[in-house]
Amino acid sequence: MKESRPRTFCWPEGKRAAVSLTWDDARPSQVDVGVPILDRFGIKGTFYVLPRNMGARLSKWRRAAANGHEIGNHSLNHPCTGNFDWQTQETMLERYTLARMERELRAANRLLRVALGVEPTSYAYCCGQNFVGRGTRLKSYVPLVAKLFTVGQAGFSETYANPLICDLAQVPSIKFDNKAYGELRETLDAAVADGCWLILMGHEVGDVRARQTTSASALRDLCSHFGRRPDIWVDTVTAVGRHVGATVRHPPAKARVR
């Protein structure tokens, strides 16, 4: 018997779709350039920070958090595959265990609690990678993120999130960096037409010609566009994720097998 489910999702207050604007790593340009743009338009962003990167901008990060921007967990040591030539032997995911990953995620939460007075409720996978170990010993740490956070954000995805079926422990996000406003509008318009949740993921904020940089002018244009589109809900990852989780009740996977 084929399982039936709603064809459309009920966004709040007549909205047609949702958008979350996010950035990784706690790079200085995020609070120097990005946050002031968002504040000008009254938009709250989600920032996945590495505690060690907050440094001299700590007071700005505190103000951002106090002003309602979401501060998410982006790990303690930014572990990624050792195939990246900048990755160290010590922080290669191929050498990690689930136990070590849990210790470090909890440690990052504690540091952010002390430094910024926030309790992170969302997590962004470093470089979009969600495994530890290798070969027959490889394990996903998605279930761990599901245990510790309301939402886990996958990175460098090819599509936006369908709220009816998305896994909140690994919600897809699309690259924000080095895209002109026109490109972003095309993606946004497609997400709105489909009634979906678009998460944009970036790094630096400033001159779009620089590597891994969200164009400041494109960000301003996008925020201005949101002001003319009351049918689009723009909010943090956790705010949207909580609505999705409360609205859609997915049965256990085994219950869907017929």
Protein backbone atom coordinates (compact mmCIF):
# COMPACT_ATOMS: atom_id res chain seq x y z
CA MET A 1 0.00 0.00 0.00
CA LYS A 2 1.47 3.34 -1.00
CA GLU A 3 1.82 5.82 1.84
CA SER A 4 0.02 9.11 1.29
CA ARG A 5 1.31 12.46 2.51
CA PRO A 6 0.44 16.13 1.97
CA ARG A 7 1.58 17.61 -1.33
CA THR A 8 2.18 21.06 0.15
CA PHE A 9 3.67 22.31 3.40
CA CYS A 10 1.96 24.78 5.69
CA TRP A 11 4.31 27.67 6.38
CA PRO A 12 3.22 30.14 9.10
CA GLU A 13 1.12 33.24 8.45
CA GLY A 14 0.54 32.55 4.79
CA LYS A 15 4.21 32.34 3.86
CA ARG A 16 5.09 30.41 0.70
CA ALA A 17 8.66 29.39 1.56
CA ALA A 18 11.45 29.89 4.08
CA VAL A 19 15.02 31.16 3.77
CA SER A 20 17.93 31.01 6.22
CA LEU A 21 21.17 32.94 5.65
CA THR A 22 24.19 31.22 7.21
CA TRP A 23 27.96 31.52 7.42
CA ASP A 24 30.70 29.17 8.70
CA ASP A 25 33.90 29.52 10.72
CA ALA A 26 33.45 32.87 12.57
CA ARG A 27 35.52 34.78 10.04
CA PRO A 28 36.04 38.47 10.99
CA SER A 29 34.27 39.82 7.89
CA GLN A 30 31.05 38.20 9.05
CA VAL A 31 30.69 40.57 12.02
CA ASP A 32 32.57 43.44 10.38
CA VAL A 33 30.52 43.50 7.16
CA GLY A 34 27.76 40.87 7.19
CA VAL A 35 26.05 41.49 10.52
CA PRO A 36 25.67 45.27 9.95
CA ILE A 37 23.96 44.56 6.62
CA LEU A 38 21.58 42.08 8.22
CA ASP A 39 20.87 44.47 11.11
CA ARG A 40 20.07 47.28 8.69
CA PHE A 41 17.28 45.15 7.18
CA GLY A 42 16.15 43.54 10.45
CA ILE A 43 17.16 40.05 9.32
CA LYS A 44 18.58 37.42 11.67
CA GLY A 45 21.37 35.20 10.35
CA THR A 46 22.87 31.94 11.58
CA PHE A 47 26.61 31.87 12.23
CA TYR A 48 28.40 28.55 12.77
CA VAL A 49 31.44 29.58 14.73
CA LEU A 50 34.75 28.00 15.62
CA PRO A 51 35.46 29.19 19.18
CA ARG A 52 39.15 29.80 18.43
CA ASN A 53 38.30 32.13 15.54
CA MET A 54 36.29 34.67 17.52
CA GLY A 55 39.50 36.28 18.84
CA ALA A 56 39.67 40.07 18.64
CA ARG A 57 36.04 40.25 17.44
CA LEU A 58 34.64 38.67 20.60
CA SER A 59 32.74 41.81 21.62
CA LYS A 60 31.13 41.97 18.17
CA TRP A 61 30.14 38.31 18.38
CA ARG A 62 28.56 38.99 21.76
CA ARG A 63 26.57 41.88 20.33
CA ALA A 64 25.45 39.77 17.38
CA ALA A 65 24.23 37.03 19.70
CA ALA A 66 22.47 39.55 21.97
CA ASN A 67 20.78 41.06 18.91
CA GLY A 68 19.13 37.76 17.99
CA HIS A 69 21.49 36.28 15.44
CA GLU A 70 21.82 32.54 15.89
CA ILE A 71 25.19 31.20 17.00
CA GLY A 72 25.60 27.58 15.98
CA ASN A 73 28.22 24.92 16.63
CA HIS A 74 30.86 24.29 13.95
CA SER A 75 32.97 21.86 15.97
CA LEU A 76 36.00 22.41 18.19
CA ASN A 77 38.78 21.62 15.69
CA HIS A 78 37.08 21.71 12.27
CA PRO A 79 37.82 18.05 11.40
CA CYS A 80 37.71 17.22 7.69
CA THR A 81 39.03 14.52 5.41
CA GLY A 82 42.80 14.26 5.25
CA ASN A 83 42.58 14.61 1.48
CA PHE A 84 42.64 18.39 2.00
CA ASP A 85 46.29 19.43 1.97
CA TRP A 86 45.65 21.96 4.75
CA GLN A 87 44.24 19.33 7.11
CA THR A 88 46.44 18.00 9.91
CA GLN A 89 46.98 14.35 10.79
CA GLU A 90 45.46 15.01 14.21
CA THR A 91 42.15 16.38 12.90
CA MET A 92 41.52 14.04 9.98
CA LEU A 93 38.03 12.57 10.05
CA GLU A 94 39.58 9.28 8.98
CA ARG A 95 41.25 9.15 12.42
CA TYR A 96 38.22 10.22 14.45
CA THR A 97 35.85 8.06 16.49
CA LEU A 98 32.25 8.82 17.38
CA ALA A 99 33.27 9.15 21.04
CA ARG A 100 35.89 11.77 20.22
CA MET A 101 33.47 13.65 17.99
CA GLU A 102 30.88 13.77 20.76
CA ARG A 103 33.43 15.04 23.28
CA GLU A 104 34.51 17.82 20.95
CA LEU A 105 30.98 18.87 19.98
CA ARG A 106 30.05 19.12 23.64
CA ALA A 107 33.27 21.01 24.40
CA ALA A 108 32.53 23.54 21.64
CA ASN A 109 29.06 24.05 23.09
CA ARG A 110 30.55 24.74 26.52
CA LEU A 111 33.02 27.27 25.13
CA LEU A 112 30.27 29.14 23.28
CA ARG A 113 28.10 29.10 26.38
CA VAL A 114 30.90 30.73 28.40
CA ALA A 115 32.07 33.17 25.71
CA LEU A 116 28.73 34.30 24.30
CA GLY A 117 26.10 33.15 26.78
CA VAL A 118 24.32 31.01 24.19
CA GLU A 119 23.36 27.35 23.98
CA PRO A 120 23.88 26.22 20.35
CA THR A 121 20.91 24.30 18.96
CA SER A 122 22.15 23.79 15.40
CA TYR A 123 25.34 22.42 13.90
CA ALA A 124 27.02 22.77 10.49
CA TYR A 125 29.08 19.81 9.24
CA CYS A 126 32.62 20.92 8.50
CA CYS A 127 33.08 20.99 4.72
CA GLY A 128 29.76 19.16 4.58
CA GLN A 129 31.37 15.88 5.67
CA ASN A 130 29.48 13.70 8.13
CA PHE A 131 31.62 10.59 8.72
CA VAL A 132 34.38 9.34 10.99
CA GLY A 133 36.82 6.50 10.30
CA ARG A 134 37.42 4.76 7.00
CA GLY A 135 36.49 1.66 5.01
CA THR A 136 34.59 -1.02 6.90
CA ARG A 137 35.02 1.00 10.09
CA LEU A 138 33.53 4.20 8.69
CA LYS A 139 30.55 5.54 10.66
CA SER A 140 28.16 8.40 10.10
CA TYR A 141 27.94 10.95 12.88
CA VAL A 142 24.56 12.22 11.69
CA PRO A 143 22.79 10.29 14.51
CA LEU A 144 25.09 12.02 17.00
CA VAL A 145 24.14 15.43 15.62
CA ALA A 146 20.48 14.41 15.80
CA LYS A 147 20.98 13.61 19.49
CA LEU A 148 22.75 16.85 20.38
CA PHE A 149 21.08 19.48 18.16
CA THR A 150 17.71 20.52 16.78
CA VAL A 151 19.13 20.89 13.25
CA GLY A 152 22.25 19.69 11.46
CA GLN A 153 23.17 21.62 8.33
CA ALA A 154 24.80 19.79 5.44
CA GLY A 155 27.00 21.89 3.19
CA PHE A 156 27.63 22.31 -0.54
CA SER A 157 24.36 20.60 -1.42
CA GLU A 158 22.73 20.55 -4.86
CA THR A 159 19.24 21.47 -3.76
CA TYR A 160 17.13 23.16 -1.12
CA ALA A 161 15.15 21.35 1.57
CA ASN A 162 11.69 19.88 1.01
CA PRO A 163 10.12 20.41 4.46
CA LEU A 164 7.82 17.43 4.00
CA ILE A 165 10.66 14.91 3.83
CA CYS A 166 13.95 16.54 4.84
CA ASP A 167 16.05 15.02 7.61
CA LEU A 168 16.56 17.77 10.18
CA ALA A 169 19.84 16.15 11.18
CA GLN A 170 21.29 16.87 7.72
CA VAL A 171 19.34 19.63 6.01
CA PRO A 172 20.81 20.61 2.63
CA SER A 173 22.30 24.06 2.10
CA ILE A 174 23.41 25.76 -1.11
CA LYS A 175 26.60 27.73 -1.61
CA PHE A 176 26.21 31.47 -1.00
CA ASP A 177 29.78 32.45 -1.89
CA ASN A 178 30.86 34.04 -5.18
CA LYS A 179 27.34 34.25 -6.57
CA ALA A 180 25.82 37.36 -8.08
CA TYR A 181 22.42 38.60 -7.01
CA GLY A 182 20.87 37.32 -10.24
CA GLU A 183 22.06 33.78 -9.56
CA LEU A 184 20.77 33.91 -6.00
CA ARG A 185 17.39 35.20 -7.19
CA GLU A 186 17.04 32.29 -9.60
CA THR A 187 17.63 29.82 -6.77
CA LEU A 188 15.33 31.74 -4.45
CA ASP A 189 12.52 31.94 -7.00
CA ALA A 190 12.74 28.19 -7.62
CA ALA A 191 12.57 27.45 -3.88
CA VAL A 192 9.55 29.72 -3.45
CA ALA A 193 7.78 28.13 -6.41
CA ASP A 194 8.32 24.71 -4.82
CA GLY A 195 7.30 25.89 -1.33
CA CYS A 196 10.64 24.79 0.10
CA TRP A 197 13.27 25.91 2.62
CA LEU A 198 16.35 27.51 1.10
CA ILE A 199 19.47 27.63 3.26
CA LEU A 200 22.34 29.68 1.85
CA MET A 201 25.80 28.89 3.24
CA GLY A 202 28.77 31.26 3.02
CA HIS A 203 32.13 32.14 4.56
CA GLU A 204 33.59 35.64 4.11
CA VAL A 205 31.45 38.70 3.36
CA GLY A 206 32.80 41.44 1.12
CA ASP A 207 34.28 41.67 -2.36
CA VAL A 208 32.78 38.83 -4.40
CA ARG A 209 36.02 38.43 -6.37
CA ALA A 210 37.75 37.06 -3.27
CA ARG A 211 37.69 33.29 -2.68
CA GLN A 212 34.86 31.90 -0.53
CA THR A 213 33.17 35.28 -0.23
CA THR A 214 29.52 36.24 -0.13
CA SER A 215 29.16 39.43 -2.12
CA ALA A 216 28.23 42.30 0.19
CA SER A 217 26.29 44.00 -2.61
CA ALA A 218 24.42 40.79 -3.46
CA LEU A 219 23.59 40.33 0.23
CA ARG A 220 22.21 43.88 0.41
CA ASP A 221 20.15 43.36 -2.73
CA LEU A 222 18.80 40.06 -1.43
CA CYS A 223 17.85 41.56 1.94
CA SER A 224 16.15 44.46 0.17
CA HIS A 225 14.22 41.97 -1.97
CA PHE A 226 13.01 40.16 1.16
CA GLY A 227 11.56 43.46 2.35
CA ARG A 228 9.33 43.47 -0.73
CA ARG A 229 8.32 39.82 -0.36
CA PRO A 230 6.08 39.29 2.69
CA ASP A 231 5.36 35.79 1.37
CA ILE A 232 8.91 34.64 2.22
CA TRP A 233 9.80 33.75 5.80
CA VAL A 234 13.42 34.72 6.52
CA ASP A 235 14.70 33.40 9.84
CA THR A 236 17.42 31.41 11.57
CA VAL A 237 18.05 27.73 10.94
CA THR A 238 16.76 26.71 14.35
CA ALA A 239 13.60 28.83 14.09
CA VAL A 240 12.64 27.32 10.75
CA GLY A 241 13.80 23.85 11.76
CA ARG A 242 11.62 23.88 14.86
CA HIS A 243 8.58 24.80 12.80
CA VAL A 244 9.30 22.03 10.31
CA GLY A 245 9.85 19.51 13.10
CA ALA A 246 6.66 20.49 14.90
CA THR A 247 4.56 20.49 11.72
CA VAL A 248 5.75 17.29 10.07
CA ARG A 249 5.69 14.08 12.05
CA HIS A 250 7.65 11.45 10.14
CA PRO A 251 6.95 7.84 11.13
CA PRO A 252 9.97 5.61 11.83
CA ALA A 253 11.71 4.46 8.67
CA LYS A 254 10.78 0.81 9.18
CA ALA A 255 7.10 1.75 9.46
CA ARG A 256 7.22 3.14 5.92
CA VAL A 257 8.33 -0.15 4.41
CA ARG A 258 5.49 -2.01 2.73
